[in-house]
Amino acid sequence: MRISPLTLLFTAFVLSFSLISLPIYLWLEDQLGKAGVTYFIWGLFAVTPALMVILFARSGDPLQLIYPPLVFAGGVLFTLSPLYETAGERIHLVLFGGLGLFVCRDVRPERGWVSGIAAVLGYCMLIAIFDEVIQHFTPGRFGQAKDVLLGVLGGVWGILLYASYTGGQSETDEERAMQISQKQS
């Protein structure tokens, strides 16, 4: 699997988020209160399906307007589970869901879907472990095995989002380049 620059950039964002999230969370909590932070995060969750519909409208397939927001809504409902004790933990689903989505684009179709899913989940687990190691050495933070699990579950959600958008079909770099050149002409 060759990791694209976009995926590497998003990976760097995920890893740097563990360093900056606590000060941001504390600032938001100071400004909005604990309940306000929760409502703020739910607001982000609420806006995303609308953005997905707008972004996916270009496909022309009406089912692709429905599936991604439904999968996204399923992920949001999953955050209501007892696994998530704080609003901050819900961010793991978003970050690692995005990471899984980006890594799915980098998996080559000739590898097969089982090895592709294993590669995506392996990458998400590796980054989740590294993220928790970073948190262990960050003042005021501590790493938790539970967060690694939540990161992997976020990766599963990213795979589902990718599959809902592409219909499970992966495309090669040549196909992507051809689509881009057709759009430009």
Protein backbone atom coordinates (compact mmCIF):
# COMPACT_ATOMS: atom_id res chain seq x y z
CA MET A 1 0.00 0.00 0.00
CA ARG A 2 1.38 3.38 -1.02
CA ILE A 3 0.23 6.19 1.26
CA SER A 4 -0.75 9.37 -0.58
CA PRO A 5 0.45 12.82 0.52
CA LEU A 6 -3.14 13.72 1.46
CA THR A 7 -3.36 10.69 3.75
CA LEU A 8 0.00 11.54 5.31
CA LEU A 9 -1.18 15.10 5.90
CA PHE A 10 -4.38 13.89 7.58
CA THR A 11 -2.34 11.38 9.63
CA ALA A 12 -0.13 14.24 10.84
CA PHE A 13 -3.28 16.17 11.76
CA VAL A 14 -4.65 13.22 13.75
CA LEU A 15 -1.37 12.82 15.63
CA SER A 16 -0.97 16.54 16.29
CA PHE A 17 -4.56 16.76 17.48
CA SER A 18 -3.61 14.80 20.62
CA LEU A 19 -1.19 17.62 21.48
CA ILE A 20 -3.58 20.50 20.87
CA SER A 21 -6.97 19.03 21.73
CA LEU A 22 -6.80 19.44 25.51
CA PRO A 23 -6.09 23.20 25.45
CA ILE A 24 -8.81 23.66 22.80
CA TYR A 25 -11.27 21.52 24.76
CA LEU A 26 -10.54 23.42 28.00
CA TRP A 27 -10.91 26.77 26.22
CA LEU A 28 -14.24 25.69 24.68
CA GLU A 29 -15.40 24.37 28.05
CA ASP A 30 -14.47 27.70 29.65
CA GLN A 31 -16.36 29.63 26.95
CA LEU A 32 -19.37 27.34 26.45
CA GLY A 33 -19.53 25.19 29.57
CA LYS A 34 -19.44 21.39 29.60
CA ALA A 35 -22.89 21.08 28.02
CA GLY A 36 -21.97 23.71 25.43
CA VAL A 37 -18.98 21.67 24.27
CA THR A 38 -21.20 18.64 23.85
CA TYR A 39 -23.71 20.70 21.82
CA PHE A 40 -20.85 22.13 19.74
CA ILE A 41 -19.61 18.64 18.85
CA TRP A 42 -23.17 17.50 18.09
CA GLY A 43 -23.51 20.57 15.87
CA LEU A 44 -20.47 19.45 13.89
CA PHE A 45 -22.04 16.01 13.58
CA ALA A 46 -25.32 17.54 12.40
CA VAL A 47 -23.76 19.69 9.67
CA THR A 48 -21.63 16.92 8.15
CA PRO A 49 -24.45 14.89 6.48
CA ALA A 50 -25.61 18.03 4.66
CA LEU A 51 -22.06 18.65 3.43
CA MET A 52 -21.82 15.01 2.34
CA VAL A 53 -24.98 15.33 0.26
CA ILE A 54 -23.59 18.45 -1.39
CA LEU A 55 -20.22 16.81 -2.10
CA PHE A 56 -21.66 13.54 -3.31
CA ALA A 57 -24.35 15.16 -5.49
CA ARG A 58 -21.87 15.28 -8.35
CA SER A 59 -22.00 11.50 -8.74
CA GLY A 60 -25.46 11.57 -10.32
CA ASP A 61 -26.49 8.38 -8.51
CA PRO A 62 -29.42 9.08 -6.16
CA LEU A 63 -28.42 6.20 -3.87
CA GLN A 64 -25.06 7.85 -3.29
CA LEU A 65 -26.94 10.84 -1.94
CA ILE A 66 -28.58 8.59 0.67
CA TYR A 67 -26.02 5.98 1.75
CA PRO A 68 -23.14 8.18 2.99
CA PRO A 69 -25.36 10.35 5.24
CA LEU A 70 -27.05 7.19 6.58
CA VAL A 71 -23.69 5.58 7.38
CA PHE A 72 -22.58 8.87 8.93
CA ALA A 73 -25.77 9.01 11.02
CA GLY A 74 -25.13 5.43 12.15
CA GLY A 75 -21.70 6.49 13.37
CA VAL A 76 -23.19 9.43 15.22
CA LEU A 77 -25.74 7.14 16.88
CA PHE A 78 -22.88 4.80 17.80
CA THR A 79 -21.30 7.65 19.78
CA LEU A 80 -24.30 7.46 22.10
CA SER A 81 -23.07 4.05 23.25
CA PRO A 82 -21.55 3.56 26.72
CA LEU A 83 -18.08 3.34 25.12
CA TYR A 84 -18.00 7.14 24.93
CA GLU A 85 -17.88 8.70 28.38
CA THR A 86 -16.94 12.24 27.31
CA ALA A 87 -17.49 14.52 24.37
CA GLY A 88 -13.75 14.41 23.71
CA GLU A 89 -13.86 10.66 23.12
CA ARG A 90 -16.42 11.16 20.36
CA ILE A 91 -13.75 12.98 18.40
CA HIS A 92 -11.89 9.65 18.05
CA LEU A 93 -14.66 8.39 15.80
CA VAL A 94 -14.47 11.47 13.60
CA LEU A 95 -10.67 11.59 13.37
CA PHE A 96 -10.13 7.90 12.78
CA GLY A 97 -13.21 7.65 10.56
CA GLY A 98 -11.61 10.32 8.38
CA LEU A 99 -8.30 8.49 8.52
CA GLY A 100 -9.95 5.21 7.48
CA LEU A 101 -11.67 7.05 4.63
CA PHE A 102 -8.37 8.49 3.36
CA VAL A 103 -6.48 5.20 3.69
CA CYS A 104 -9.23 3.38 1.75
CA ARG A 105 -8.39 5.56 -1.25
CA ASP A 106 -4.78 4.37 -1.05
CA VAL A 107 -5.54 0.63 -1.02
CA ARG A 108 -5.02 -0.92 -4.43
CA PRO A 109 -7.99 -2.86 -5.85
CA GLU A 110 -5.80 -5.76 -6.99
CA ARG A 111 -5.07 -6.65 -3.35
CA GLY A 112 -8.64 -7.82 -2.76
CA TRP A 113 -11.15 -6.48 -0.29
CA VAL A 114 -10.15 -8.64 2.71
CA SER A 115 -6.48 -7.64 2.59
CA GLY A 116 -7.54 -4.06 1.84
CA ILE A 117 -9.71 -3.89 4.95
CA ALA A 118 -6.91 -5.46 6.99
CA ALA A 119 -4.45 -2.86 5.67
CA VAL A 120 -6.80 0.03 6.52
CA LEU A 121 -7.54 -1.27 10.01
CA GLY A 122 -3.86 -2.07 10.60
CA TYR A 123 -2.89 1.48 9.63
CA CYS A 124 -5.60 2.95 11.86
CA MET A 125 -4.50 0.74 14.77
CA LEU A 126 -0.85 1.68 14.30
CA ILE A 127 -1.69 5.40 14.29
CA ALA A 128 -4.05 4.96 17.28
CA ILE A 129 -1.28 3.25 19.26
CA PHE A 130 1.21 5.94 18.28
CA ASP A 131 -1.37 8.60 19.24
CA GLU A 132 -1.76 7.08 22.71
CA VAL A 133 2.03 6.90 23.15
CA ILE A 134 2.22 10.62 22.31
CA GLN A 135 -0.53 11.31 24.86
CA HIS A 136 1.37 9.32 27.48
CA PHE A 137 4.27 11.78 27.21
CA THR A 138 2.07 14.91 26.94
CA PRO A 139 1.58 16.83 30.22
CA GLY A 140 -2.01 16.59 31.43
CA ARG A 141 -2.81 13.67 29.12
CA PHE A 142 -2.52 9.91 29.41
CA GLY A 143 -2.81 7.10 26.91
CA GLN A 144 -5.58 4.52 27.19
CA ALA A 145 -6.01 1.15 25.50
CA LYS A 146 -9.72 1.98 25.18
CA ASP A 147 -8.83 4.89 22.88
CA VAL A 148 -6.93 2.51 20.58
CA LEU A 149 -10.12 0.44 20.30
CA LEU A 150 -12.14 3.59 19.61
CA GLY A 151 -9.63 4.57 16.92
CA VAL A 152 -9.98 1.19 15.22
CA LEU A 153 -13.79 1.46 15.42
CA GLY A 154 -13.46 4.88 13.80
CA GLY A 155 -11.42 3.20 11.04
CA VAL A 156 -14.25 0.70 10.52
CA TRP A 157 -16.63 3.62 10.21
CA GLY A 158 -14.32 5.23 7.63
CA ILE A 159 -14.33 2.00 5.61
CA LEU A 160 -18.14 1.95 5.71
CA LEU A 161 -18.27 5.59 4.61
CA TYR A 162 -15.90 4.87 1.73
CA ALA A 163 -17.84 1.77 0.69
CA SER A 164 -21.14 3.66 0.85
CA TYR A 165 -19.79 6.35 -1.45
CA THR A 166 -18.01 4.10 -3.94
CA GLY A 167 -20.43 1.19 -3.80
CA GLY A 168 -17.51 -0.95 -2.64
CA GLN A 169 -15.67 -0.36 -5.92
CA SER A 170 -12.11 0.85 -5.71
CA GLU A 171 -10.41 2.70 -8.51
CA THR A 172 -6.82 2.78 -9.68
CA ASP A 173 -4.67 5.89 -10.00
CA GLU A 174 -5.12 5.72 -13.78
CA GLU A 175 -8.91 5.71 -13.45
CA ARG A 176 -8.78 8.69 -11.06
CA ALA A 177 -6.48 10.59 -13.45
CA MET A 178 -8.82 9.82 -16.36
CA GLN A 179 -11.84 11.09 -14.39
CA ILE A 180 -9.98 14.29 -13.48
CA SER A 181 -8.91 14.92 -17.08
CA GLN A 182 -12.49 14.30 -18.32
CA LYS A 183 -13.83 16.83 -15.80
CA GLN A 184 -11.27 19.42 -16.88
CA SER A 185 -12.11 19.12 -20.58
